[in-house]
N, C-alpha and C. Protein backbone atom coordinates (compact mmCIF):
# COMPACT_ATOMS: atom_id res chain seq x y z
N UNK A 1 19.93 40.21 -8.48
CA UNK A 1 19.57 39.52 -7.12
C UNK A 1 18.16 40.02 -6.64
N UNK A 2 17.23 38.89 -6.28
CA UNK A 2 15.96 39.27 -5.95
C UNK A 2 16.21 39.13 -4.32
N UNK A 3 15.45 40.03 -3.56
CA UNK A 3 15.52 40.30 -2.29
C UNK A 3 13.89 39.97 -1.62
N UNK A 4 13.98 39.39 -0.55
CA UNK A 4 12.37 39.24 0.00
C UNK A 4 12.01 40.44 0.49
N UNK A 5 10.62 40.64 0.70
CA UNK A 5 10.07 41.98 0.95
C UNK A 5 10.36 42.21 2.19
N UNK A 6 10.46 43.20 2.66
CA UNK A 6 10.83 43.70 3.97
C UNK A 6 9.55 43.68 4.90
N UNK A 7 9.51 42.86 5.96
CA UNK A 7 8.12 42.94 6.71
C UNK A 7 8.51 43.65 7.90
N UNK A 8 7.63 44.71 7.92
CA UNK A 8 7.49 45.64 9.25
C UNK A 8 7.37 44.94 10.50
N UNK A 9 8.29 45.41 11.61
CA UNK A 9 8.06 44.73 12.85
C UNK A 9 6.73 44.55 13.52
N UNK A 10 6.33 43.52 14.10
CA UNK A 10 4.93 43.41 14.71
C UNK A 10 5.16 43.93 16.26
N UNK A 11 3.88 44.60 16.43
CA UNK A 11 4.23 45.34 18.00
C UNK A 11 2.97 44.75 18.64
N UNK A 12 3.01 43.66 19.58
CA UNK A 12 2.35 43.18 20.16
C UNK A 12 1.85 43.66 21.59
N UNK A 13 0.19 43.99 21.57
CA UNK A 13 0.13 44.78 22.99
C UNK A 13 -1.30 43.96 23.85
N UNK A 14 -0.96 44.30 24.86
CA UNK A 14 -2.08 43.52 25.57
C UNK A 14 -3.61 44.54 25.68
N UNK A 15 -4.40 44.28 26.03
CA UNK A 15 -5.30 45.14 26.12
C UNK A 15 -5.58 46.39 27.25
N UNK A 16 -4.28 46.56 28.01
CA UNK A 16 -4.19 47.44 28.85
C UNK A 16 -3.32 48.30 28.37
N UNK A 17 -2.88 48.05 27.42
CA UNK A 17 -1.95 49.19 26.55
C UNK A 17 -0.25 48.41 26.79
N UNK A 18 -0.07 47.52 27.13
CA UNK A 18 1.36 47.02 27.49
C UNK A 18 1.97 46.49 26.22
N UNK A 19 3.13 46.50 26.27
CA UNK A 19 4.17 45.87 25.08
C UNK A 19 4.40 44.37 25.57
N UNK A 20 4.06 43.13 24.86
CA UNK A 20 4.31 41.97 24.93
C UNK A 20 5.88 41.86 24.43
N UNK A 21 6.68 40.82 25.65
CA UNK A 21 8.02 40.61 25.10
C UNK A 21 7.96 39.97 23.74
N UNK A 22 8.61 39.87 22.82
CA UNK A 22 9.10 39.03 21.83
C UNK A 22 9.14 37.66 22.14
N UNK A 23 8.64 36.80 21.04
CA UNK A 23 8.66 35.56 21.51
C UNK A 23 10.20 35.22 21.27
N UNK A 24 10.58 34.28 21.66
CA UNK A 24 12.26 33.61 22.05
C UNK A 24 12.06 32.94 20.80
N UNK A 25 13.43 33.11 20.56
CA UNK A 25 13.85 32.06 19.23
C UNK A 25 13.95 31.00 19.63
N UNK A 26 13.36 29.80 18.69
CA UNK A 26 13.27 28.42 19.52
C UNK A 26 15.27 27.88 19.32
N UNK A 27 14.93 27.04 20.76
CA UNK A 27 16.23 26.50 20.72
C UNK A 27 16.69 25.78 19.92
N UNK A 28 18.03 25.40 19.61
CA UNK A 28 18.61 24.41 18.76
C UNK A 28 18.46 23.09 19.67
N UNK A 29 17.77 21.98 19.16
CA UNK A 29 17.35 20.64 19.61
C UNK A 29 19.11 20.08 20.43
N UNK A 30 19.01 19.52 21.38
CA UNK A 30 19.98 18.84 21.75
C UNK A 30 20.25 17.29 21.01
N UNK A 31 21.26 16.85 21.24
CA UNK A 31 21.69 15.57 20.62
C UNK A 31 20.19 14.52 20.80
N UNK A 32 19.63 14.17 22.17
CA UNK A 32 18.85 13.34 22.44
C UNK A 32 17.51 13.68 21.24
N UNK A 33 17.06 15.09 21.48
CA UNK A 33 15.99 15.62 20.69
C UNK A 33 16.16 15.04 19.20
N UNK A 34 17.53 15.27 18.44
CA UNK A 34 17.72 14.70 17.25
C UNK A 34 17.45 13.17 17.18
N UNK A 35 18.12 12.42 18.30
CA UNK A 35 18.07 10.92 18.10
C UNK A 35 16.34 10.33 18.53
N UNK A 36 15.61 11.16 18.99
CA UNK A 36 14.34 10.89 19.43
C UNK A 36 13.55 11.06 18.04
N UNK A 37 13.72 12.46 17.27
CA UNK A 37 13.14 12.73 16.12
C UNK A 37 13.36 11.40 15.28
N UNK A 38 14.66 11.23 15.04
CA UNK A 38 15.14 9.76 13.88
C UNK A 38 14.53 8.59 14.33
N UNK A 39 14.42 8.22 15.60
CA UNK A 39 13.76 6.98 16.25
C UNK A 39 12.21 6.86 16.21
N UNK A 40 11.69 8.53 16.25
CA UNK A 40 10.28 8.22 16.15
C UNK A 40 9.80 8.03 14.33
N UNK A 41 10.58 8.87 13.50
CA UNK A 41 10.60 8.68 12.03
C UNK A 41 10.70 6.93 11.85
N UNK A 42 11.72 6.50 12.54
CA UNK A 42 11.95 4.94 11.78
C UNK A 42 10.52 4.12 12.36
N UNK A 43 10.41 4.94 13.27
CA UNK A 43 9.02 3.73 14.21
C UNK A 43 7.84 4.07 13.45
N UNK A 44 7.57 5.25 12.69
CA UNK A 44 6.21 5.33 11.54
C UNK A 44 6.60 4.85 10.70
N UNK A 45 7.82 4.84 10.14
CA UNK A 45 8.25 4.10 8.96
C UNK A 45 7.65 2.43 9.10
N UNK A 46 8.13 2.04 10.13
CA UNK A 46 7.80 0.70 10.58
C UNK A 46 6.59 0.22 10.49
N UNK A 47 5.95 0.91 11.17
CA UNK A 47 4.47 0.86 11.34
C UNK A 47 3.41 0.94 9.95
N UNK A 48 3.80 1.72 8.91
CA UNK A 48 3.37 2.00 8.03
C UNK A 48 3.53 0.38 7.16
N UNK A 49 4.90 -0.25 6.78
CA UNK A 49 5.54 -1.12 6.46
C UNK A 49 4.81 -2.39 6.95
N UNK A 50 4.60 -2.34 8.37
CA UNK A 50 3.86 -3.51 8.77
C UNK A 50 2.25 -3.33 8.62
N UNK A 51 1.48 -2.23 8.61
CA UNK A 51 0.05 -1.85 7.99
C UNK A 51 0.01 -2.52 6.54
N UNK A 52 0.71 -2.39 5.98
CA UNK A 52 0.96 -2.68 4.43
C UNK A 52 0.96 -4.42 4.53
N UNK A 53 1.80 -4.83 5.17
CA UNK A 53 1.83 -6.46 5.02
C UNK A 53 0.85 -7.01 5.91
N UNK A 54 0.33 -6.47 6.62
CA UNK A 54 -1.20 -6.59 7.28
C UNK A 54 -2.27 -6.68 6.14
N UNK A 55 -2.34 -5.72 5.25
CA UNK A 55 -3.10 -5.86 4.72
C UNK A 55 -3.01 -6.75 3.44
N UNK A 56 -1.89 -7.17 2.82
CA UNK A 56 -0.94 -8.05 2.01
C UNK A 56 -1.76 -9.28 2.52
N UNK A 57 -1.37 -9.78 3.86
CA UNK A 57 -1.76 -11.03 4.57
C UNK A 57 -3.64 -10.74 4.47
N UNK A 58 -3.82 -10.15 4.72
CA UNK A 58 -5.62 -10.09 4.63
C UNK A 58 -6.10 -10.66 3.36
N UNK A 59 -5.54 -9.76 2.46
CA UNK A 59 -6.00 -10.50 0.98
C UNK A 59 -5.56 -11.68 0.42
N UNK A 60 -4.55 -12.26 1.01
CA UNK A 60 -4.19 -13.58 0.71
C UNK A 60 -5.38 -14.34 1.66
N UNK A 61 -5.77 -14.02 2.59
CA UNK A 61 -6.32 -15.03 3.58
C UNK A 61 -7.83 -15.13 2.82
N UNK A 62 -8.22 -13.93 2.59
CA UNK A 62 -9.70 -13.82 1.68
C UNK A 62 -9.55 -14.78 0.62
N UNK A 63 -8.63 -14.18 -0.40
CA UNK A 63 -8.42 -15.41 -1.63
C UNK A 63 -8.59 -17.04 -1.07
N UNK A 64 -7.81 -17.14 0.08
CA UNK A 64 -7.66 -18.36 0.54
C UNK A 64 -9.00 -19.18 0.90
N UNK A 65 -10.02 -18.11 1.45
CA UNK A 65 -11.11 -18.49 2.00
C UNK A 65 -12.23 -19.04 0.64
N UNK A 66 -11.80 -18.19 -0.40
CA UNK A 66 -12.78 -18.44 -1.40
C UNK A 66 -12.30 -19.48 -2.46
N UNK A 67 -11.37 -20.16 -2.20
CA UNK A 67 -10.82 -21.44 -2.91
C UNK A 67 -11.99 -22.44 -2.71
N UNK A 68 -12.12 -22.88 -1.53
CA UNK A 68 -12.99 -23.82 -1.43
C UNK A 68 -14.72 -23.49 -2.10
N UNK A 69 -14.84 -22.30 -2.44
CA UNK A 69 -16.43 -22.25 -2.84
C UNK A 69 -15.91 -22.00 -4.25
N UNK A 70 -15.06 -21.75 -4.76
CA UNK A 70 -14.80 -21.89 -6.43
C UNK A 70 -14.80 -23.64 -6.71
N UNK A 71 -14.29 -24.07 -5.98
CA UNK A 71 -14.27 -25.72 -6.04
C UNK A 71 -15.40 -26.49 -6.22
N UNK A 72 -16.31 -25.96 -5.10
CA UNK A 72 -17.52 -26.24 -5.10
C UNK A 72 -18.41 -26.16 -6.23
N UNK A 73 -18.61 -24.88 -6.46
CA UNK A 73 -19.25 -24.51 -7.75
C UNK A 73 -18.88 -25.13 -9.19
N UNK A 74 -17.50 -25.29 -9.14
CA UNK A 74 -17.27 -25.79 -10.20
C UNK A 74 -17.61 -27.48 -10.34
N UNK A 75 -17.64 -28.36 -9.30
CA UNK A 75 -18.33 -29.43 -8.76
C UNK A 75 -19.55 -29.32 -9.23
N UNK A 76 -20.27 -28.49 -8.89
CA UNK A 76 -21.84 -28.62 -9.12
C UNK A 76 -21.94 -28.18 -10.58
N UNK A 77 -21.31 -27.40 -11.34
CA UNK A 77 -21.72 -27.17 -12.58
C UNK A 77 -21.19 -28.30 -13.46
N UNK A 78 -20.13 -29.31 -13.03
CA UNK A 78 -19.94 -30.07 -13.61
C UNK A 78 -20.88 -31.23 -13.63
N UNK A 79 -21.29 -31.57 -12.24
CA UNK A 79 -22.27 -32.70 -12.40
C UNK A 79 -23.27 -32.55 -12.73
N UNK A 80 -23.72 -31.08 -13.04
CA UNK A 80 -25.16 -30.65 -13.57
C UNK A 80 -25.05 -30.84 -14.99
N UNK A 81 -24.18 -30.57 -15.84
CA UNK A 81 -23.74 -31.14 -17.17
C UNK A 81 -23.70 -32.62 -17.35
N UNK A 82 -23.01 -33.18 -16.50
CA UNK A 82 -23.05 -34.68 -16.55
C UNK A 82 -24.04 -35.49 -16.65
N UNK A 83 -25.12 -34.97 -15.74
CA UNK A 83 -26.33 -35.38 -15.41
C UNK A 83 -27.05 -35.12 -16.39
N UNK A 84 -27.07 -34.07 -16.88
CA UNK A 84 -27.92 -33.52 -18.42
C UNK A 84 -27.46 -34.62 -19.46
N UNK A 85 -26.09 -34.67 -19.86
CA UNK A 85 -25.46 -35.48 -21.07
C UNK A 85 -26.06 -37.15 -20.60
N UNK A 86 -26.02 -37.34 -19.42
CA UNK A 86 -26.61 -39.00 -19.13
C UNK A 86 -27.84 -39.18 -19.41
N UNK A 87 -28.58 -38.31 -19.05
CA UNK A 87 -30.02 -38.18 -19.68
C UNK A 87 -30.59 -38.22 -20.83
N UNK A 88 -29.54 -37.57 -21.57
CA UNK A 88 -29.84 -37.40 -23.07
C UNK A 88 -29.20 -38.66 -23.73
N UNK A 89 -28.87 -39.39 -23.09
CA UNK A 89 -28.53 -40.99 -23.72
C UNK A 89 -27.50 -40.74 -24.83
N UNK A 90 -26.80 -39.87 -25.15
CA UNK A 90 -25.73 -39.72 -26.10
C UNK A 90 -26.63 -39.88 -27.25
N UNK A 91 -27.80 -39.30 -27.69
CA UNK A 91 -28.43 -38.75 -28.68
C UNK A 91 -27.73 -37.70 -29.20
N UNK A 92 -27.69 -37.59 -30.68
CA UNK A 92 -26.97 -36.64 -31.16
C UNK A 92 -27.53 -34.92 -31.21
N UNK A 93 -26.98 -34.01 -30.59
CA UNK A 93 -27.47 -32.87 -30.24
C UNK A 93 -28.00 -32.94 -28.65
N UNK A 94 -27.89 -34.08 -28.21
CA UNK A 94 -27.95 -34.10 -26.68
C UNK A 94 -29.47 -33.89 -26.70
N UNK A 95 -30.66 -33.56 -25.74
CA UNK A 95 -32.02 -33.30 -25.67
C UNK A 95 -32.37 -31.92 -25.67
N UNK A 96 -33.90 -32.01 -25.37
CA UNK A 96 -34.17 -30.39 -24.98
C UNK A 96 -33.49 -29.62 -23.91
N UNK A 97 -32.95 -28.82 -24.25
CA UNK A 97 -32.13 -27.70 -23.21
C UNK A 97 -30.63 -28.34 -23.22
N UNK A 98 -30.10 -29.35 -23.75
CA UNK A 98 -28.78 -29.90 -23.75
C UNK A 98 -28.04 -29.12 -24.92
N UNK A 99 -26.87 -28.17 -24.92
CA UNK A 99 -26.24 -27.73 -25.85
C UNK A 99 -25.63 -29.00 -26.66
N UNK A 100 -25.32 -28.77 -27.91
CA UNK A 100 -24.75 -29.92 -28.58
C UNK A 100 -23.44 -29.61 -28.65
N UNK A 101 -22.74 -30.37 -28.43
CA UNK A 101 -20.86 -30.02 -28.55
C UNK A 101 -20.59 -30.73 -30.06
N UNK A 102 -19.88 -29.95 -30.81
CA UNK A 102 -19.50 -30.35 -31.95
C UNK A 102 -17.67 -29.88 -31.81
N UNK A 103 -17.33 -31.25 -32.40
CA UNK A 103 -15.72 -31.22 -32.35
C UNK A 103 -15.34 -31.26 -33.95
N UNK A 104 -14.63 -30.75 -34.50
CA UNK A 104 -14.15 -30.74 -35.72
C UNK A 104 -12.76 -31.06 -35.67
N UNK A 105 -12.50 -32.13 -36.47
CA UNK A 105 -11.16 -32.77 -36.52
C UNK A 105 -10.62 -32.43 -38.02
N UNK A 106 -9.08 -31.96 -37.93
CA UNK A 106 -8.57 -31.94 -39.32
C UNK A 106 -7.60 -32.70 -39.91
């Protein structure tokens, strides 16, 4: 069986050469202290959970704000391709700068 190494006693002296009293052992907490510690722990846990929910809600809000940007960008892209196809006049291969769309049917 292993034993902890023996610690020699600490002698605490003031600059005048007097010994200081040994620190008192911490008192065991009362019932109120234990209740307050648990209540404080629960409050910290609730704050962490609420902070996580705020972060998630912020992410959803940011994505919600980006949806109109995506829709407008898609409409601009579609309108640009539609206009170029219309100007090409249905010629095979489109026109200059117009990509050729090939559909292979089997």
